[in-house]
Amino acid sequence: MKNSTFYTIVLSCIVFILASCSDEKYIGPIDNDAAPGNLTGITVTPLPGAARITYELPDDKSLRYVKAVYEIRPGVEKETKASKYTDELFVDGFPETKPYQVKLTTVSNGEKESEPQIIEVTPLLSPLKEAYNSLVFNETFGGITINFENSGAAS
């Protein structure tokens, strides 16, 4: 009796495992969609070491996200993406207060990109530079005290 119960359980497990194996169909990116339209109404708000870019999305059903590609130093490129459900994008990591070029593209469900729109961003003084410029060292008993400004409340 015990052997037949054991064999029934083992046979049930084997049948269950074999029945659960099936061929899954791979669904890749959609190839038949076109690149979405460009952004309109682009405005840039400078922030300390960063910038906020607001825009109006094109009326395109295949739009998936908006992508910004920019270089913070020669040879160091960053990329930021924003969902189609928002109308703003943050670009950060700029070490200096000078103009930087940002390439904005819209991307479809099939990962097809629109023509890049190049905008210019001039961030405010970086929080790191502000802190470095305002460092004050004071000696105390057995060490030093360091004070600095952090007006942007950056962490």
N, C-alpha and C. Protein backbone atom coordinates (compact mmCIF):
# COMPACT_ATOMS: atom_id res chain seq x y z
N MET A 1 0.82 -1.20 0.00
CA MET A 1 0.00 0.00 0.00
C MET A 1 0.86 1.25 0.00
N LYS A 2 1.94 1.25 0.82
CA LYS A 2 2.81 2.40 0.89
C LYS A 2 3.52 2.62 -0.43
N ASN A 3 3.94 1.53 -1.10
CA ASN A 3 4.64 1.66 -2.37
C ASN A 3 3.74 2.24 -3.45
N SER A 4 2.50 1.82 -3.49
CA SER A 4 1.60 2.32 -4.53
C SER A 4 1.29 3.80 -4.31
N THR A 5 1.18 4.26 -3.08
CA THR A 5 0.96 5.68 -2.78
C THR A 5 2.18 6.50 -3.19
N PHE A 6 3.36 5.98 -2.88
CA PHE A 6 4.59 6.66 -3.24
C PHE A 6 4.72 6.78 -4.75
N TYR A 7 4.47 5.68 -5.47
CA TYR A 7 4.56 5.70 -6.93
C TYR A 7 3.51 6.62 -7.55
N THR A 8 2.35 6.70 -6.96
CA THR A 8 1.30 7.58 -7.45
C THR A 8 1.72 9.05 -7.31
N ILE A 9 2.32 9.37 -6.18
CA ILE A 9 2.77 10.75 -5.95
C ILE A 9 3.90 11.10 -6.91
N VAL A 10 4.87 10.20 -7.06
CA VAL A 10 6.00 10.45 -7.98
C VAL A 10 5.50 10.59 -9.40
N LEU A 11 4.60 9.71 -9.84
CA LEU A 11 4.05 9.77 -11.19
C LEU A 11 3.26 11.06 -11.39
N SER A 12 2.53 11.51 -10.38
CA SER A 12 1.77 12.76 -10.47
C SER A 12 2.71 13.95 -10.62
N CYS A 13 3.81 13.95 -9.88
CA CYS A 13 4.79 15.04 -9.98
C CYS A 13 5.42 15.07 -11.37
N ILE A 14 5.77 13.91 -11.91
CA ILE A 14 6.38 13.85 -13.24
C ILE A 14 5.40 14.35 -14.30
N VAL A 15 4.15 13.93 -14.21
CA VAL A 15 3.14 14.38 -15.17
C VAL A 15 2.93 15.89 -15.04
N PHE A 16 2.91 16.41 -13.83
CA PHE A 16 2.74 17.85 -13.61
C PHE A 16 3.91 18.64 -14.21
N ILE A 17 5.14 18.16 -13.99
CA ILE A 17 6.32 18.84 -14.53
C ILE A 17 6.30 18.83 -16.05
N LEU A 18 5.99 17.70 -16.65
CA LEU A 18 5.95 17.61 -18.10
C LEU A 18 4.82 18.46 -18.69
N ALA A 19 3.70 18.53 -18.01
CA ALA A 19 2.57 19.32 -18.51
C ALA A 19 2.85 20.83 -18.40
N SER A 20 3.68 21.22 -17.41
CA SER A 20 3.95 22.65 -17.24
C SER A 20 4.98 23.16 -18.24
N CYS A 21 5.73 22.30 -18.88
CA CYS A 21 6.69 22.71 -19.89
C CYS A 21 5.97 22.98 -21.21
N SER A 22 6.16 24.18 -21.72
CA SER A 22 5.54 24.51 -22.99
C SER A 22 6.42 25.51 -23.72
N ASP A 23 6.19 25.65 -25.00
CA ASP A 23 6.95 26.60 -25.78
C ASP A 23 6.36 27.99 -25.57
N GLU A 24 7.25 28.92 -25.19
CA GLU A 24 6.83 30.31 -25.03
C GLU A 24 7.21 31.07 -26.28
N LYS A 25 6.34 31.93 -26.68
CA LYS A 25 6.61 32.76 -27.85
C LYS A 25 7.31 34.03 -27.39
N TYR A 26 8.41 34.36 -28.06
CA TYR A 26 9.14 35.58 -27.76
C TYR A 26 8.48 36.74 -28.49
N ILE A 27 8.15 37.76 -27.73
CA ILE A 27 7.56 38.96 -28.32
C ILE A 27 8.61 40.05 -28.24
N GLY A 28 9.18 40.41 -29.37
CA GLY A 28 10.21 41.43 -29.43
C GLY A 28 9.63 42.81 -29.65
N PRO A 29 10.50 43.77 -29.91
CA PRO A 29 10.01 45.12 -30.19
C PRO A 29 9.15 45.16 -31.44
N ILE A 30 8.24 46.09 -31.45
CA ILE A 30 7.35 46.24 -32.59
C ILE A 30 8.13 46.93 -33.70
N ASP A 31 8.22 46.28 -34.86
CA ASP A 31 9.03 46.82 -35.95
C ASP A 31 8.25 47.70 -36.90
N ASN A 32 6.95 47.65 -36.86
CA ASN A 32 6.19 48.36 -37.88
C ASN A 32 5.77 49.77 -37.47
N ASP A 33 6.24 50.27 -36.33
CA ASP A 33 5.87 51.63 -35.96
C ASP A 33 6.94 52.61 -36.44
N ALA A 34 6.54 53.85 -36.59
CA ALA A 34 7.44 54.90 -37.07
C ALA A 34 7.98 55.69 -35.88
N ALA A 35 9.01 56.44 -36.12
CA ALA A 35 9.56 57.29 -35.08
C ALA A 35 8.54 58.37 -34.71
N PRO A 36 8.36 58.65 -33.42
CA PRO A 36 7.39 59.68 -33.02
C PRO A 36 7.86 61.08 -33.41
N GLY A 37 6.95 62.02 -33.30
CA GLY A 37 7.26 63.41 -33.63
C GLY A 37 8.17 64.06 -32.60
N ASN A 38 8.60 65.27 -32.88
CA ASN A 38 9.50 65.99 -31.98
C ASN A 38 8.72 66.70 -30.87
N LEU A 39 9.45 67.09 -29.83
CA LEU A 39 8.89 67.83 -28.71
C LEU A 39 8.66 69.29 -29.13
N THR A 40 7.70 69.94 -28.49
CA THR A 40 7.44 71.35 -28.73
C THR A 40 7.39 72.09 -27.40
N GLY A 41 7.48 73.40 -27.45
CA GLY A 41 7.37 74.21 -26.24
C GLY A 41 8.43 73.90 -25.21
N ILE A 42 9.66 73.71 -25.62
CA ILE A 42 10.73 73.33 -24.70
C ILE A 42 11.20 74.56 -23.92
N THR A 43 11.21 74.43 -22.58
CA THR A 43 11.74 75.49 -21.72
C THR A 43 12.74 74.86 -20.75
N VAL A 44 13.76 75.63 -20.41
CA VAL A 44 14.82 75.15 -19.52
C VAL A 44 14.86 76.02 -18.27
N THR A 45 14.86 75.38 -17.10
CA THR A 45 14.98 76.06 -15.83
C THR A 45 16.31 75.64 -15.20
N PRO A 46 17.27 76.57 -15.05
CA PRO A 46 18.56 76.19 -14.46
C PRO A 46 18.43 75.91 -12.97
N LEU A 47 19.14 74.90 -12.51
CA LEU A 47 19.20 74.50 -11.10
C LEU A 47 20.67 74.37 -10.71
N PRO A 48 20.99 74.29 -9.41
CA PRO A 48 22.39 74.14 -9.02
C PRO A 48 22.98 72.82 -9.55
N GLY A 49 23.90 72.91 -10.51
CA GLY A 49 24.54 71.74 -11.10
C GLY A 49 23.63 70.90 -11.97
N ALA A 50 22.46 71.42 -12.30
CA ALA A 50 21.48 70.64 -13.07
C ALA A 50 20.55 71.59 -13.82
N ALA A 51 19.56 71.00 -14.47
CA ALA A 51 18.54 71.79 -15.16
C ALA A 51 17.27 70.96 -15.29
N ARG A 52 16.14 71.65 -15.26
CA ARG A 52 14.85 70.99 -15.48
C ARG A 52 14.36 71.42 -16.85
N ILE A 53 14.04 70.45 -17.69
CA ILE A 53 13.56 70.72 -19.03
C ILE A 53 12.10 70.34 -19.09
N THR A 54 11.23 71.30 -19.42
CA THR A 54 9.81 71.01 -19.60
C THR A 54 9.49 71.12 -21.08
N TYR A 55 8.48 70.37 -21.49
CA TYR A 55 8.15 70.29 -22.91
C TYR A 55 6.72 69.83 -23.09
N GLU A 56 6.26 69.91 -24.33
CA GLU A 56 4.95 69.36 -24.70
C GLU A 56 5.20 68.15 -25.58
N LEU A 57 4.54 67.04 -25.25
CA LEU A 57 4.73 65.80 -25.99
C LEU A 57 3.96 65.81 -27.31
N PRO A 58 4.46 65.13 -28.33
CA PRO A 58 3.71 65.02 -29.57
C PRO A 58 2.51 64.10 -29.37
N ASP A 59 1.47 64.32 -30.14
CA ASP A 59 0.27 63.48 -30.05
C ASP A 59 0.51 62.24 -30.91
N ASP A 60 1.18 61.26 -30.32
CA ASP A 60 1.58 60.06 -31.04
C ASP A 60 1.33 58.85 -30.15
N LYS A 61 0.56 57.90 -30.62
CA LYS A 61 0.21 56.73 -29.80
C LYS A 61 1.39 55.79 -29.59
N SER A 62 2.38 55.84 -30.46
CA SER A 62 3.52 54.94 -30.32
C SER A 62 4.62 55.49 -29.43
N LEU A 63 4.44 56.69 -28.88
CA LEU A 63 5.45 57.30 -28.01
C LEU A 63 5.61 56.48 -26.74
N ARG A 64 6.87 56.18 -26.38
CA ARG A 64 7.15 55.39 -25.18
C ARG A 64 7.82 56.23 -24.10
N TYR A 65 8.88 56.98 -24.49
CA TYR A 65 9.58 57.83 -23.53
C TYR A 65 10.37 58.91 -24.25
N VAL A 66 10.90 59.85 -23.45
CA VAL A 66 11.74 60.93 -23.96
C VAL A 66 13.13 60.70 -23.39
N LYS A 67 14.14 60.87 -24.22
CA LYS A 67 15.52 60.61 -23.80
C LYS A 67 16.37 61.85 -24.01
N ALA A 68 17.24 62.14 -23.03
CA ALA A 68 18.19 63.23 -23.13
C ALA A 68 19.59 62.65 -23.00
N VAL A 69 20.46 63.01 -23.94
CA VAL A 69 21.85 62.57 -23.93
C VAL A 69 22.72 63.82 -23.88
N TYR A 70 23.67 63.85 -22.92
CA TYR A 70 24.50 65.03 -22.76
C TYR A 70 25.86 64.63 -22.21
N GLU A 71 26.83 65.50 -22.39
CA GLU A 71 28.20 65.26 -21.96
C GLU A 71 28.52 66.22 -20.83
N ILE A 72 28.91 65.68 -19.64
CA ILE A 72 29.23 66.53 -18.50
C ILE A 72 30.70 66.93 -18.49
N ARG A 73 31.55 66.10 -19.06
CA ARG A 73 32.97 66.36 -19.26
C ARG A 73 33.36 65.73 -20.57
N PRO A 74 34.45 66.14 -21.16
CA PRO A 74 34.86 65.50 -22.42
C PRO A 74 35.06 63.99 -22.22
N GLY A 75 34.31 63.22 -22.98
CA GLY A 75 34.40 61.76 -22.90
C GLY A 75 33.45 61.12 -21.90
N VAL A 76 32.74 61.91 -21.09
CA VAL A 76 31.80 61.36 -20.10
C VAL A 76 30.39 61.76 -20.52
N GLU A 77 29.65 60.79 -21.04
CA GLU A 77 28.30 61.05 -21.54
C GLU A 77 27.28 60.44 -20.58
N LYS A 78 26.22 61.19 -20.33
CA LYS A 78 25.12 60.71 -19.48
C LYS A 78 23.83 60.66 -20.28
N GLU A 79 22.91 59.84 -19.80
CA GLU A 79 21.62 59.68 -20.47
C GLU A 79 20.52 59.68 -19.41
N THR A 80 19.46 60.40 -19.68
CA THR A 80 18.32 60.45 -18.78
C THR A 80 17.06 60.19 -19.59
N LYS A 81 16.14 59.42 -19.00
CA LYS A 81 14.88 59.11 -19.68
C LYS A 81 13.71 59.56 -18.82
N ALA A 82 12.62 59.94 -19.50
CA ALA A 82 11.39 60.33 -18.80
C ALA A 82 10.22 59.64 -19.48
N SER A 83 9.29 59.18 -18.70
CA SER A 83 8.11 58.47 -19.18
C SER A 83 7.22 59.38 -20.04
N LYS A 84 6.36 58.76 -20.81
CA LYS A 84 5.41 59.53 -21.61
C LYS A 84 4.31 60.14 -20.74
N TYR A 85 4.27 59.79 -19.47
CA TYR A 85 3.25 60.29 -18.57
C TYR A 85 3.67 61.56 -17.84
N THR A 86 4.85 62.08 -18.14
CA THR A 86 5.30 63.31 -17.52
C THR A 86 5.75 64.29 -18.61
N ASP A 87 5.82 65.55 -18.25
CA ASP A 87 6.22 66.56 -19.23
C ASP A 87 7.47 67.29 -18.82
N GLU A 88 8.33 66.64 -18.00
CA GLU A 88 9.58 67.26 -17.60
C GLU A 88 10.67 66.21 -17.46
N LEU A 89 11.89 66.69 -17.55
CA LEU A 89 13.06 65.83 -17.52
C LEU A 89 14.16 66.56 -16.76
N PHE A 90 14.89 65.87 -15.88
CA PHE A 90 15.98 66.48 -15.13
C PHE A 90 17.31 65.98 -15.67
N VAL A 91 18.21 66.90 -15.96
CA VAL A 91 19.58 66.56 -16.34
C VAL A 91 20.49 67.13 -15.26
N ASP A 92 21.42 66.32 -14.77
CA ASP A 92 22.27 66.77 -13.67
C ASP A 92 23.70 66.28 -13.84
N GLY A 93 24.55 66.70 -12.91
CA GLY A 93 25.94 66.29 -12.93
C GLY A 93 26.87 67.28 -13.59
N PHE A 94 26.40 68.49 -13.84
CA PHE A 94 27.23 69.50 -14.50
C PHE A 94 28.17 70.14 -13.48
N PRO A 95 29.48 70.06 -13.71
CA PRO A 95 30.42 70.59 -12.71
C PRO A 95 30.65 72.09 -12.79
N GLU A 96 30.39 72.72 -13.93
CA GLU A 96 30.70 74.14 -14.10
C GLU A 96 29.48 74.92 -14.57
N THR A 97 29.55 76.23 -14.40
CA THR A 97 28.49 77.12 -14.87
C THR A 97 28.87 77.61 -16.26
N LYS A 98 28.58 76.79 -17.24
CA LYS A 98 28.84 77.13 -18.64
C LYS A 98 27.79 76.44 -19.49
N PRO A 99 27.62 76.83 -20.73
CA PRO A 99 26.61 76.19 -21.58
C PRO A 99 26.99 74.75 -21.95
N TYR A 100 26.02 73.87 -21.86
CA TYR A 100 26.17 72.47 -22.26
C TYR A 100 25.09 72.15 -23.29
N GLN A 101 25.41 71.27 -24.23
CA GLN A 101 24.43 70.86 -25.22
C GLN A 101 23.76 69.56 -24.77
N VAL A 102 22.43 69.52 -24.93
CA VAL A 102 21.63 68.35 -24.58
C VAL A 102 20.85 67.94 -25.82
N LYS A 103 20.93 66.66 -26.19
CA LYS A 103 20.17 66.13 -27.33
C LYS A 103 18.91 65.46 -26.81
N LEU A 104 17.76 65.98 -27.21
CA LEU A 104 16.47 65.42 -26.81
C LEU A 104 15.88 64.61 -27.96
N THR A 105 15.45 63.39 -27.68
CA THR A 105 14.79 62.56 -28.68
C THR A 105 13.56 61.91 -28.06
N THR A 106 12.57 61.64 -28.89
CA THR A 106 11.42 60.85 -28.47
C THR A 106 11.61 59.45 -29.03
N VAL A 107 11.18 58.44 -28.26
CA VAL A 107 11.40 57.05 -28.63
C VAL A 107 10.06 56.33 -28.67
N SER A 108 9.87 55.49 -29.70
CA SER A 108 8.61 54.77 -29.88
C SER A 108 8.65 53.43 -29.15
N ASN A 109 7.53 52.71 -29.20
CA ASN A 109 7.46 51.38 -28.58
C ASN A 109 8.44 50.40 -29.22
N GLY A 110 8.75 50.59 -30.48
CA GLY A 110 9.70 49.74 -31.18
C GLY A 110 11.13 50.23 -31.07
N GLU A 111 11.41 51.15 -30.14
CA GLU A 111 12.72 51.72 -29.89
C GLU A 111 13.27 52.52 -31.08
N LYS A 112 12.39 53.10 -31.88
CA LYS A 112 12.82 53.97 -32.97
C LYS A 112 12.84 55.39 -32.45
N GLU A 113 13.98 56.07 -32.68
CA GLU A 113 14.17 57.43 -32.15
C GLU A 113 13.86 58.47 -33.21
N SER A 114 13.35 59.60 -32.73
CA SER A 114 13.11 60.74 -33.62
C SER A 114 14.44 61.45 -33.89
N GLU A 115 14.41 62.43 -34.76
CA GLU A 115 15.59 63.24 -35.00
C GLU A 115 15.92 64.00 -33.72
N PRO A 116 17.21 64.06 -33.31
CA PRO A 116 17.54 64.75 -32.06
C PRO A 116 17.34 66.26 -32.17
N GLN A 117 16.82 66.82 -31.10
CA GLN A 117 16.70 68.27 -30.97
C GLN A 117 17.78 68.71 -30.00
N ILE A 118 18.66 69.59 -30.44
CA ILE A 118 19.77 70.02 -29.59
C ILE A 118 19.39 71.34 -28.93
N ILE A 119 19.42 71.33 -27.59
CA ILE A 119 19.15 72.54 -26.82
C ILE A 119 20.38 72.87 -25.99
N GLU A 120 20.44 74.09 -25.48
CA GLU A 120 21.56 74.51 -24.67
C GLU A 120 21.09 74.76 -23.24
N VAL A 121 21.87 74.24 -22.29
CA VAL A 121 21.54 74.32 -20.87
C VAL A 121 22.71 74.99 -20.16
N THR A 122 22.44 76.00 -19.33
CA THR A 122 23.47 76.63 -18.51
C THR A 122 23.06 76.49 -17.04
N PRO A 123 23.63 75.51 -16.32
CA PRO A 123 23.25 75.30 -14.93
C PRO A 123 23.82 76.37 -14.01
N LEU A 124 23.26 76.43 -12.81
CA LEU A 124 23.78 77.33 -11.78
C LEU A 124 25.01 76.69 -11.14
N LEU A 125 25.64 77.39 -10.20
CA LEU A 125 26.84 76.90 -9.54
C LEU A 125 26.56 75.56 -8.86
N SER A 126 27.42 74.60 -9.12
CA SER A 126 27.27 73.26 -8.56
C SER A 126 27.35 73.30 -7.04
N PRO A 127 26.55 72.50 -6.32
CA PRO A 127 26.61 72.46 -4.87
C PRO A 127 28.00 72.06 -4.35
N LEU A 128 28.68 71.21 -5.09
CA LEU A 128 30.02 70.80 -4.69
C LEU A 128 31.01 71.96 -4.77
N LYS A 129 30.93 72.74 -5.85
CA LYS A 129 31.80 73.91 -5.99
C LYS A 129 31.47 74.96 -4.93
N GLU A 130 30.19 75.14 -4.64
CA GLU A 130 29.78 76.11 -3.63
C GLU A 130 30.34 75.72 -2.26
N ALA A 131 30.23 74.44 -1.94
CA ALA A 131 30.74 73.97 -0.65
C ALA A 131 32.26 74.11 -0.59
N TYR A 132 32.94 73.78 -1.67
CA TYR A 132 34.40 73.87 -1.70
C TYR A 132 34.85 75.33 -1.55
N ASN A 133 34.18 76.26 -2.22
CA ASN A 133 34.56 77.67 -2.16
C ASN A 133 34.29 78.29 -0.80
N SER A 134 33.39 77.71 -0.01
CA SER A 134 33.05 78.31 1.28
C SER A 134 33.60 77.51 2.47
N LEU A 135 34.53 76.60 2.23
CA LEU A 135 35.10 75.81 3.33
C LEU A 135 35.85 76.70 4.32
N VAL A 136 35.60 76.46 5.60
CA VAL A 136 36.29 77.18 6.67
C VAL A 136 36.77 76.13 7.67
N PHE A 137 38.08 76.11 7.94
CA PHE A 137 38.67 75.18 8.90
C PHE A 137 38.99 75.94 10.18
N ASN A 138 38.56 75.40 11.31
CA ASN A 138 38.86 75.97 12.61
C ASN A 138 39.49 74.89 13.47
N GLU A 139 40.55 75.26 14.19
CA GLU A 139 41.17 74.25 15.03
C GLU A 139 40.42 74.15 16.36
N THR A 140 40.31 72.95 16.84
CA THR A 140 39.68 72.67 18.13
C THR A 140 40.62 71.79 18.92
N PHE A 141 40.25 71.50 20.14
CA PHE A 141 41.08 70.65 20.98
C PHE A 141 41.13 69.24 20.38
N GLY A 142 42.27 68.83 19.89
CA GLY A 142 42.45 67.48 19.36
C GLY A 142 41.98 67.30 17.93
N GLY A 143 41.73 68.37 17.18
CA GLY A 143 41.29 68.19 15.80
C GLY A 143 40.89 69.49 15.15
N ILE A 144 40.00 69.38 14.17
CA ILE A 144 39.54 70.56 13.46
C ILE A 144 38.02 70.49 13.29
N THR A 145 37.44 71.65 13.04
CA THR A 145 36.02 71.76 12.71
C THR A 145 35.93 72.31 11.30
N ILE A 146 35.10 71.69 10.50
CA ILE A 146 34.93 72.12 9.12
C ILE A 146 33.52 72.67 8.94
N ASN A 147 33.40 73.88 8.40
CA ASN A 147 32.11 74.49 8.09
C ASN A 147 32.05 74.87 6.61
N PHE A 148 30.87 74.78 6.02
CA PHE A 148 30.70 75.17 4.62
C PHE A 148 29.26 75.54 4.37
N GLU A 149 29.04 76.28 3.27
CA GLU A 149 27.69 76.70 2.87
C GLU A 149 27.04 75.62 2.01
N ASN A 150 25.75 75.40 2.21
CA ASN A 150 24.97 74.49 1.37
C ASN A 150 23.60 75.11 1.16
N SER A 151 23.57 76.23 0.45
CA SER A 151 22.32 76.98 0.30
C SER A 151 21.28 76.23 -0.51
N GLY A 152 21.71 75.35 -1.38
CA GLY A 152 20.75 74.57 -2.19
C GLY A 152 20.22 73.36 -1.48
N ALA A 153 20.67 73.10 -0.25
CA ALA A 153 20.27 71.93 0.55
C ALA A 153 20.52 70.64 -0.21
N ALA A 154 21.63 70.60 -0.94
CA ALA A 154 21.97 69.40 -1.71
C ALA A 154 22.57 68.36 -0.77
N SER A 155 22.34 67.10 -1.09
CA SER A 155 22.90 66.04 -0.25
C SER A 155 23.96 65.26 -0.98
